[in-house]
Amino acid sequence: MPTPTKGARLGGSPAHEKLILSNLATSLFEHGAITTTAAKAKRLQPLAEQLITKAKRGDLASRRQVMKRIKDKSVVHVLFTEIGERYADRPGGYTRITKLGPRKGDNAPLVKIELVEALADSPKAKKATAKKAPAKKTAAKTEDKVGDKVEDEPKVEDVQDEKVQDVVADVQDEKVQDVVEDTKTEDK
């Protein structure tokens, strides 16, 4: 017999708790992230990790074991075809829990549990990284041939938007031309 978890159950009975966790897992795999209470998220995280590990195997026995917990066939299909393949080379840690603050009605601590790489794949994240890309320019210190001059230049590899890359390349070309002109004037 498995050792029962410490503390109060999420529902009233073991069957109700199992249903709550199954529904939470279904919503997590369907949407990529859900907002719930801290207690439910802490109980959901190991279950979600186990289900993703079974999805990585991809065999029929694993699929049948996952179908015992998740009743929606379309979510199981997404779990095995997309989510399992996404984490094929990752050894664990597929989910992240982020604290949000207390709930307005009963002051329960709310958290957001999400799939780790779901952020990188979502259209909102791509749009946010494209907007933040010019602000993330890192300075690379380069010395010119004459000696002691040091300039800060943004690295083109760090910038993701192609238009921004073109602008950065133009700025770098102008800086290189300025350095060349400076070295010519110092040589004279």
C-alpha atoms as a PDB file:
ATOM      1  CA  MET A   1       0.000   0.000   0.000  1.00  0.00           C
ATOM      2  CA  PRO A   2       1.435   3.400  -0.909  1.00  0.00           C
ATOM      3  CA  THR A   3       2.240   5.797   1.877  1.00  0.00           C
ATOM      4  CA  PRO A   4      -0.396   8.539   2.041  1.00  0.00           C
ATOM      5  CA  THR A   5       0.743  12.110   1.607  1.00  0.00           C
ATOM      6  CA  LYS A   6       1.039  14.207   4.723  1.00  0.00           C
ATOM      7  CA  GLY A   7      -1.514  16.860   5.448  1.00  0.00           C
ATOM      8  CA  ALA A   8      -5.087  17.357   4.362  1.00  0.00           C
ATOM      9  CA  ARG A   9      -6.263  16.084   1.014  1.00  0.00           C
ATOM     10  CA  LEU A  10      -7.169  18.488  -1.756  1.00  0.00           C
ATOM     11  CA  GLY A  11     -10.687  17.113  -2.047  1.00  0.00           C
ATOM     12  CA  GLY A  12     -12.723  15.256   0.490  1.00  0.00           C
ATOM     13  CA  SER A  13     -11.734  11.731  -0.532  1.00  0.00           C
ATOM     14  CA  PRO A  14      -8.833  10.062  -2.317  1.00  0.00           C
ATOM     15  CA  ALA A  15     -10.941   9.637  -5.454  1.00  0.00           C
ATOM     16  CA  HIS A  16     -11.841  13.331  -5.482  1.00  0.00           C
ATOM     17  CA  GLU A  17      -8.197  14.324  -5.048  1.00  0.00           C
ATOM     18  CA  LYS A  18      -7.198  12.070  -7.943  1.00  0.00           C
ATOM     19  CA  LEU A  19      -9.823  13.711 -10.163  1.00  0.00           C
ATOM     20  CA  ILE A  20      -8.684  17.214  -9.184  1.00  0.00           C
ATOM     21  CA  LEU A  21      -5.063  16.419 -10.040  1.00  0.00           C
ATOM     22  CA  SER A  22      -6.078  14.741 -13.315  1.00  0.00           C
ATOM     23  CA  ASN A  23      -8.075  17.798 -14.352  1.00  0.00           C
ATOM     24  CA  LEU A  24      -5.236  20.135 -13.380  1.00  0.00           C
ATOM     25  CA  ALA A  25      -2.755  18.053 -15.399  1.00  0.00           C
ATOM     26  CA  THR A  26      -5.102  18.053 -18.395  1.00  0.00           C
ATOM     27  CA  SER A  27      -5.407  21.844 -18.254  1.00  0.00           C
ATOM     28  CA  LEU A  28      -1.644  22.260 -17.843  1.00  0.00           C
ATOM     29  CA  PHE A  29      -0.860  20.180 -20.928  1.00  0.00           C
ATOM     30  CA  GLU A  30      -3.661  21.794 -22.922  1.00  0.00           C
ATOM     31  CA  HIS A  31      -2.762  25.424 -22.182  1.00  0.00           C
ATOM     32  CA  GLY A  32       0.920  25.243 -21.216  1.00  0.00           C
ATOM     33  CA  ALA A  33       0.363  27.221 -17.991  1.00  0.00           C
ATOM     34  CA  ILE A  34      -2.351  27.501 -15.355  1.00  0.00           C
ATOM     35  CA  THR A  35      -2.975  29.643 -12.295  1.00  0.00           C
ATOM     36  CA  THR A  36      -3.976  27.771  -9.148  1.00  0.00           C
ATOM     37  CA  THR A  37      -3.293  27.654  -5.421  1.00  0.00           C
ATOM     38  CA  ALA A  38       0.153  26.812  -4.093  1.00  0.00           C
ATOM     39  CA  ALA A  39      -1.014  23.558  -2.456  1.00  0.00           C
ATOM     40  CA  LYS A  40      -2.541  22.235  -5.671  1.00  0.00           C
ATOM     41  CA  ALA A  41       0.488  23.245  -7.753  1.00  0.00           C
ATOM     42  CA  LYS A  42       2.896  21.516  -5.376  1.00  0.00           C
ATOM     43  CA  ARG A  43       0.842  18.333  -5.605  1.00  0.00           C
ATOM     44  CA  LEU A  44       0.475  18.645  -9.398  1.00  0.00           C
ATOM     45  CA  GLN A  45       4.151  19.158 -10.202  1.00  0.00           C
ATOM     46  CA  PRO A  46       5.391  15.587  -9.529  1.00  0.00           C
ATOM     47  CA  LEU A  47       2.408  14.113 -11.379  1.00  0.00           C
ATOM     48  CA  ALA A  48       3.025  16.315 -14.430  1.00  0.00           C
ATOM     49  CA  GLU A  49       6.735  15.438 -14.408  1.00  0.00           C
ATOM     50  CA  GLN A  50       5.909  11.698 -14.328  1.00  0.00           C
ATOM     51  CA  LEU A  51       3.418  12.010 -17.174  1.00  0.00           C
ATOM     52  CA  ILE A  52       5.905  13.925 -19.348  1.00  0.00           C
ATOM     53  CA  THR A  53       8.575  11.298 -18.626  1.00  0.00           C
ATOM     54  CA  LYS A  54       6.151   8.590 -19.786  1.00  0.00           C
ATOM     55  CA  ALA A  55       5.347  10.652 -22.876  1.00  0.00           C
ATOM     56  CA  LYS A  56       9.062  10.829 -23.690  1.00  0.00           C
ATOM     57  CA  ARG A  57       9.147   7.016 -23.875  1.00  0.00           C
ATOM     58  CA  GLY A  58       6.387   7.074 -26.462  1.00  0.00           C
ATOM     59  CA  ASP A  59       5.505   3.374 -26.334  1.00  0.00           C
ATOM     60  CA  LEU A  60       2.026   1.911 -26.124  1.00  0.00           C
ATOM     61  CA  ALA A  61       2.312   0.841 -22.494  1.00  0.00           C
ATOM     62  CA  SER A  62       3.246   4.374 -21.448  1.00  0.00           C
ATOM     63  CA  ARG A  63       0.367   5.802 -23.456  1.00  0.00           C
ATOM     64  CA  ARG A  64      -2.066   3.471 -21.694  1.00  0.00           C
ATOM     65  CA  GLN A  65      -0.685   4.443 -18.282  1.00  0.00           C
ATOM     66  CA  VAL A  66      -1.119   8.136 -19.127  1.00  0.00           C
ATOM     67  CA  MET A  67      -4.662   7.478 -20.361  1.00  0.00           C
ATOM     68  CA  LYS A  68      -5.533   6.223 -16.855  1.00  0.00           C
ATOM     69  CA  ARG A  69      -4.900   9.721 -15.486  1.00  0.00           C
ATOM     70  CA  ILE A  70      -5.795  11.956 -18.442  1.00  0.00           C
ATOM     71  CA  LYS A  71      -9.114  11.068 -20.028  1.00  0.00           C
ATOM     72  CA  ASP A  72      -9.004  13.531 -22.950  1.00  0.00           C
ATOM     73  CA  LYS A  73      -7.477  11.720 -25.943  1.00  0.00           C
ATOM     74  CA  SER A  74      -6.589  14.926 -27.766  1.00  0.00           C
ATOM     75  CA  VAL A  75      -4.540  16.149 -24.781  1.00  0.00           C
ATOM     76  CA  VAL A  76      -2.780  12.771 -24.581  1.00  0.00           C
ATOM     77  CA  HIS A  77      -1.987  13.030 -28.286  1.00  0.00           C
ATOM     78  CA  VAL A  78      -0.502  16.515 -27.793  1.00  0.00           C
ATOM     79  CA  LEU A  79       1.434  15.254 -24.776  1.00  0.00           C
ATOM     80  CA  PHE A  80       3.036  12.414 -26.720  1.00  0.00           C
ATOM     81  CA  THR A  81       3.609  14.150 -30.069  1.00  0.00           C
ATOM     82  CA  GLU A  82       4.590  17.695 -29.074  1.00  0.00           C
ATOM     83  CA  ILE A  83       5.448  17.914 -25.376  1.00  0.00           C
ATOM     84  CA  GLY A  84       7.268  14.570 -25.187  1.00  0.00           C
ATOM     85  CA  GLU A  85       9.387  15.413 -28.234  1.00  0.00           C
ATOM     86  CA  ARG A  86      10.121  18.909 -26.929  1.00  0.00           C
ATOM     87  CA  TYR A  87      11.680  17.497 -23.757  1.00  0.00           C
ATOM     88  CA  ALA A  88      13.385  14.491 -25.373  1.00  0.00           C
ATOM     89  CA  ASP A  89      16.879  15.651 -24.439  1.00  0.00           C
ATOM     90  CA  ARG A  90      15.958  17.184 -21.066  1.00  0.00           C
ATOM     91  CA  PRO A  91      16.508  14.918 -18.031  1.00  0.00           C
ATOM     92  CA  GLY A  92      13.841  16.516 -15.822  1.00  0.00           C
ATOM     93  CA  GLY A  93      12.485  19.791 -14.501  1.00  0.00           C
ATOM     94  CA  TYR A  94       9.764  20.244 -17.076  1.00  0.00           C
ATOM     95  CA  THR A  95       7.587  22.567 -14.978  1.00  0.00           C
ATOM     96  CA  ARG A  96       8.098  25.834 -13.117  1.00  0.00           C
ATOM     97  CA  ILE A  97       6.074  27.321 -10.255  1.00  0.00           C
ATOM     98  CA  THR A  98       5.976  31.114  -9.945  1.00  0.00           C
ATOM     99  CA  LYS A  99       4.347  32.862  -6.988  1.00  0.00           C
ATOM    100  CA  LEU A 100       1.715  35.458  -7.897  1.00  0.00           C
ATOM    101  CA  GLY A 101       0.428  36.684  -4.524  1.00  0.00           C
ATOM    102  CA  PRO A 102      -2.726  36.180  -2.491  1.00  0.00           C
ATOM    103  CA  ARG A 103      -6.143  35.588  -4.018  1.00  0.00           C
ATOM    104  CA  LYS A 104      -8.556  38.468  -3.509  1.00  0.00           C
ATOM    105  CA  GLY A 105     -11.460  36.520  -2.015  1.00  0.00           C
ATOM    106  CA  ASP A 106      -9.919  34.205   0.554  1.00  0.00           C
ATOM    107  CA  ASN A 107      -6.256  35.317   0.612  1.00  0.00           C
ATOM    108  CA  ALA A 108      -5.060  31.904  -0.613  1.00  0.00           C
ATOM    109  CA  PRO A 109      -1.550  32.012  -2.112  1.00  0.00           C
ATOM    110  CA  LEU A 110      -1.831  31.871  -5.910  1.00  0.00           C
ATOM    111  CA  VAL A 111       0.887  30.486  -8.157  1.00  0.00           C
ATOM    112  CA  LYS A 112       1.378  29.957 -11.855  1.00  0.00           C
ATOM    113  CA  ILE A 113       2.579  26.518 -12.900  1.00  0.00           C
ATOM    114  CA  GLU A 114       3.865  26.310 -16.450  1.00  0.00           C
ATOM    115  CA  LEU A 115       5.822  24.101 -18.783  1.00  0.00           C
ATOM    116  CA  VAL A 116       9.381  25.411 -18.880  1.00  0.00           C
ATOM    117  CA  GLU A 117       9.869  25.706 -22.628  1.00  0.00           C
ATOM    118  CA  ALA A 118       6.270  26.677 -23.311  1.00  0.00           C
ATOM    119  CA  LEU A 119       7.324  30.289 -22.801  1.00  0.00           C
ATOM    120  CA  ALA A 120       9.865  30.160 -25.613  1.00  0.00           C
ATOM    121  CA  ASP A 121       7.371  28.619 -28.045  1.00  0.00           C
ATOM    122  CA  SER A 122       4.436  30.923 -27.429  1.00  0.00           C
ATOM    123  CA  PRO A 123       3.738  33.816 -29.822  1.00  0.00           C
ATOM    124  CA  LYS A 124       3.579  36.257 -26.903  1.00  0.00           C
ATOM    125  CA  ALA A 125       7.094  35.310 -25.824  1.00  0.00           C
ATOM    126  CA  LYS A 126       8.438  35.720 -29.358  1.00  0.00           C
ATOM    127  CA  LYS A 127       6.848  39.156 -29.581  1.00  0.00           C
ATOM    128  CA  ALA A 128       8.254  40.138 -26.183  1.00  0.00           C
ATOM    129  CA  THR A 129      11.792  39.018 -27.096  1.00  0.00           C
ATOM    130  CA  ALA A 130      11.575  40.924 -30.364  1.00  0.00           C
ATOM    131  CA  LYS A 131      10.615  44.100 -28.491  1.00  0.00           C
ATOM    132  CA  LYS A 132      13.275  43.572 -25.830  1.00  0.00           C
ATOM    133  CA  ALA A 133      16.047  42.667 -28.276  1.00  0.00           C
ATOM    134  CA  PRO A 134      17.372  46.222 -28.815  1.00  0.00           C
ATOM    135  CA  ALA A 135      17.539  46.742 -25.045  1.00  0.00           C
ATOM    136  CA  LYS A 136      19.530  43.532 -24.531  1.00  0.00           C
ATOM    137  CA  LYS A 137      22.535  44.663 -26.544  1.00  0.00           C
ATOM    138  CA  THR A 138      25.688  43.555 -24.847  1.00  0.00           C
ATOM    139  CA  ALA A 139      28.826  45.571 -25.095  1.00  0.00           C
ATOM    140  CA  ALA A 140      31.847  43.876 -26.606  1.00  0.00           C
ATOM    141  CA  LYS A 141      35.079  45.709 -26.006  1.00  0.00           C
ATOM    142  CA  THR A 142      37.360  45.871 -29.004  1.00  0.00           C
ATOM    143  CA  GLU A 143      40.705  47.508 -29.408  1.00  0.00           C
ATOM    144  CA  ASP A 144      41.766  49.118 -32.634  1.00  0.00           C
ATOM    145  CA  LYS A 145      45.197  48.644 -34.235  1.00  0.00           C
ATOM    146  CA  VAL A 146      46.687  51.839 -32.813  1.00  0.00           C
ATOM    147  CA  GLY A 147      46.437  50.635 -29.262  1.00  0.00           C
ATOM    148  CA  ASP A 148      44.559  51.958 -26.283  1.00  0.00           C
ATOM    149  CA  LYS A 149      41.139  52.957 -27.686  1.00  0.00           C
ATOM    150  CA  VAL A 150      38.260  50.813 -26.450  1.00  0.00           C
ATOM    151  CA  GLU A 151      34.735  51.040 -27.867  1.00  0.00           C
ATOM    152  CA  ASP A 152      31.485  49.378 -26.874  1.00  0.00           C
ATOM    153  CA  GLU A 153      29.692  47.645 -29.740  1.00  0.00           C
ATOM    154  CA  PRO A 154      26.510  45.570 -29.684  1.00  0.00           C
ATOM    155  CA  LYS A 155      26.851  41.925 -30.735  1.00  0.00           C
ATOM    156  CA  VAL A 156      24.716  41.097 -33.750  1.00  0.00           C
ATOM    157  CA  GLU A 157      24.321  37.463 -32.602  1.00  0.00           C
ATOM    158  CA  ASP A 158      22.367  38.559 -29.514  1.00  0.00           C
ATOM    159  CA  VAL A 159      19.792  40.511 -31.504  1.00  0.00           C
ATOM    160  CA  GLN A 160      17.005  38.324 -32.885  1.00  0.00           C
ATOM    161  CA  ASP A 161      14.982  40.546 -35.171  1.00  0.00           C
ATOM    162  CA  GLU A 162      16.396  40.786 -38.718  1.00  0.00           C
ATOM    163  CA  LYS A 163      15.558  44.469 -39.134  1.00  0.00           C
ATOM    164  CA  VAL A 164      17.300  45.273 -35.905  1.00  0.00           C
ATOM    165  CA  GLN A 165      20.301  43.224 -37.049  1.00  0.00           C
ATOM    166  CA  ASP A 166      20.544  45.333 -40.214  1.00  0.00           C
ATOM    167  CA  VAL A 167      20.455  48.553 -38.204  1.00  0.00           C
ATOM    168  CA  VAL A 168      23.094  47.248 -35.796  1.00  0.00           C
ATOM    169  CA  ALA A 169      25.293  46.160 -38.708  1.00  0.00           C
ATOM    170  CA  ASP A 170      25.034  49.668 -40.204  1.00  0.00           C
ATOM    171  CA  VAL A 171      25.965  51.228 -36.869  1.00  0.00           C
ATOM    172  CA  GLN A 172      28.938  48.885 -36.542  1.00  0.00           C
ATOM    173  CA  ASP A 173      30.113  49.776 -40.065  1.00  0.00           C
ATOM    174  CA  GLU A 174      29.925  53.467 -39.186  1.00  0.00           C
ATOM    175  CA  LYS A 175      31.919  52.899 -35.987  1.00  0.00           C
ATOM    176  CA  VAL A 176      34.560  50.937 -37.894  1.00  0.00           C
ATOM    177  CA  GLN A 177      34.822  53.754 -40.437  1.00  0.00           C
ATOM    178  CA  ASP A 178      35.191  56.278 -37.609  1.00  0.00           C
ATOM    179  CA  VAL A 179      37.976  54.207 -36.048  1.00  0.00           C
ATOM    180  CA  VAL A 180      39.756  53.907 -39.405  1.00  0.00           C
ATOM    181  CA  GLU A 181      39.497  57.669 -39.945  1.00  0.00           C
ATOM    182  CA  ASP A 182      40.823  58.277 -36.432  1.00  0.00           C
ATOM    183  CA  THR A 183      43.799  56.021 -37.029  1.00  0.00           C
ATOM    184  CA  LYS A 184      44.535  57.799 -40.334  1.00  0.00           C
ATOM    185  CA  THR A 185      44.475  61.207 -38.649  1.00  0.00           C
ATOM    186  CA  GLU A 186      46.749  59.951 -35.833  1.00  0.00           C
ATOM    187  CA  ASP A 187      49.204  58.492 -38.351  1.00  0.00           C
ATOM    188  CA  LYS A 188      49.525  61.887 -40.108  1.00  0.00           C
END
